[in-house]
Amino acid sequence: MLVNLSAWIGTALMGAAPFLIDSTTGKVMAILGLALLCLQAYDKKCYNLIILNLIGIFGYASHFYL
């Protein structure tokens, strides 16, 4: 139940983030969305998606320091 809820929230955040991606809010939404989707990927044993999500999280987070 918790995995399903986090997946839906993560999907909603990832769906809305591109419209705000130039702002800090958009980047935080993308990071949170990817992190929440990692829970579903782990539950489904989709380790390749976890790696892709972590790369995305690192990419968005790096914009805070550049």
C-alpha atoms as a PDB file:
ATOM      1  CA  MET A   1       0.000   0.000   0.000  1.00  0.00           C
ATOM      2  CA  LEU A   2       2.759   2.442   0.958  1.00  0.00           C
ATOM      3  CA  VAL A   3       4.750   1.563  -2.178  1.00  0.00           C
ATOM      4  CA  ASN A   4       1.712   2.165  -4.385  1.00  0.00           C
ATOM      5  CA  LEU A   5       0.958   5.504  -2.750  1.00  0.00           C
ATOM      6  CA  SER A   6       4.570   6.649  -3.023  1.00  0.00           C
ATOM      7  CA  ALA A   7       4.631   5.591  -6.678  1.00  0.00           C
ATOM      8  CA  TRP A   8       1.541   7.677  -7.456  1.00  0.00           C
ATOM      9  CA  ILE A   9       2.908  10.695  -5.607  1.00  0.00           C
ATOM     10  CA  GLY A  10       6.283  10.280  -7.337  1.00  0.00           C
ATOM     11  CA  THR A  11       4.554  10.030 -10.712  1.00  0.00           C
ATOM     12  CA  ALA A  12       2.558  13.188 -10.026  1.00  0.00           C
ATOM     13  CA  LEU A  13       5.705  15.067  -8.997  1.00  0.00           C
ATOM     14  CA  MET A  14       7.571  13.871 -12.087  1.00  0.00           C
ATOM     15  CA  GLY A  15       4.620  14.854 -14.268  1.00  0.00           C
ATOM     16  CA  ALA A  16       4.532  18.386 -12.867  1.00  0.00           C
ATOM     17  CA  ALA A  17       8.277  18.994 -12.475  1.00  0.00           C
ATOM     18  CA  PRO A  18       9.114  19.647 -16.171  1.00  0.00           C
ATOM     19  CA  PHE A  19       6.860  22.705 -16.179  1.00  0.00           C
ATOM     20  CA  LEU A  20       8.852  24.204 -13.291  1.00  0.00           C
ATOM     21  CA  ILE A  21      12.266  22.650 -13.917  1.00  0.00           C
ATOM     22  CA  ASP A  22      14.021  26.010 -14.341  1.00  0.00           C
ATOM     23  CA  SER A  23      13.148  26.896 -10.754  1.00  0.00           C
ATOM     24  CA  THR A  24      14.399  25.417  -7.497  1.00  0.00           C
ATOM     25  CA  THR A  25      10.899  24.077  -6.831  1.00  0.00           C
ATOM     26  CA  GLY A  26      10.922  22.123 -10.076  1.00  0.00           C
ATOM     27  CA  LYS A  27      14.267  20.534  -9.327  1.00  0.00           C
ATOM     28  CA  VAL A  28      13.179  19.585  -5.799  1.00  0.00           C
ATOM     29  CA  MET A  29       9.971  18.096  -7.211  1.00  0.00           C
ATOM     30  CA  ALA A  30      12.003  16.022  -9.681  1.00  0.00           C
ATOM     31  CA  ILE A  31      14.375  14.809  -6.966  1.00  0.00           C
ATOM     32  CA  LEU A  32      11.523  13.847  -4.648  1.00  0.00           C
ATOM     33  CA  GLY A  33       9.615  12.199  -7.485  1.00  0.00           C
ATOM     34  CA  LEU A  34      12.586  10.088  -8.505  1.00  0.00           C
ATOM     35  CA  ALA A  35      13.287   9.149  -4.889  1.00  0.00           C
ATOM     36  CA  LEU A  36       9.702   8.009  -4.382  1.00  0.00           C
ATOM     37  CA  LEU A  37       9.762   6.029  -7.618  1.00  0.00           C
ATOM     38  CA  CYS A  38      12.878   4.245  -6.356  1.00  0.00           C
ATOM     39  CA  LEU A  39      10.697   2.577  -3.727  1.00  0.00           C
ATOM     40  CA  GLN A  40       8.500   1.038  -6.404  1.00  0.00           C
ATOM     41  CA  ALA A  41      11.492   0.014  -8.500  1.00  0.00           C
ATOM     42  CA  TYR A  42      13.050  -1.696  -5.471  1.00  0.00           C
ATOM     43  CA  ASP A  43       9.786  -3.475  -4.656  1.00  0.00           C
ATOM     44  CA  LYS A  44       9.574  -4.745  -8.259  1.00  0.00           C
ATOM     45  CA  LYS A  45      13.298  -5.600  -8.314  1.00  0.00           C
ATOM     46  CA  CYS A  46      13.949  -3.230 -11.225  1.00  0.00           C
ATOM     47  CA  TYR A  47      17.477  -2.372 -10.173  1.00  0.00           C
ATOM     48  CA  ASN A  48      18.306  -0.776 -13.506  1.00  0.00           C
ATOM     49  CA  LEU A  49      15.599   1.836 -12.854  1.00  0.00           C
ATOM     50  CA  ILE A  50      17.027   2.525  -9.415  1.00  0.00           C
ATOM     51  CA  ILE A  51      20.388   3.264 -11.022  1.00  0.00           C
ATOM     52  CA  LEU A  52      18.754   5.577 -13.577  1.00  0.00           C
ATOM     53  CA  ASN A  53      16.762   7.344 -10.850  1.00  0.00           C
ATOM     54  CA  LEU A  54      19.884   7.842  -8.731  1.00  0.00           C
ATOM     55  CA  ILE A  55      21.711   9.313 -11.734  1.00  0.00           C
ATOM     56  CA  GLY A  56      18.768  11.663 -12.268  1.00  0.00           C
ATOM     57  CA  ILE A  57      18.723  12.657  -8.607  1.00  0.00           C
ATOM     58  CA  PHE A  58      22.457  13.365  -8.740  1.00  0.00           C
ATOM     59  CA  GLY A  59      22.014  15.383 -11.933  1.00  0.00           C
ATOM     60  CA  TYR A  60      19.248  17.584 -10.549  1.00  0.00           C
ATOM     61  CA  ALA A  61      21.000  17.989  -7.197  1.00  0.00           C
ATOM     62  CA  SER A  62      24.235  19.039  -8.905  1.00  0.00           C
ATOM     63  CA  HIS A  63      22.469  22.132 -10.261  1.00  0.00           C
ATOM     64  CA  PHE A  64      22.205  23.460  -6.714  1.00  0.00           C
ATOM     65  CA  TYR A  65      25.999  23.601  -6.481  1.00  0.00           C
ATOM     66  CA  LEU A  66      26.900  24.894  -9.939  1.00  0.00           C
END
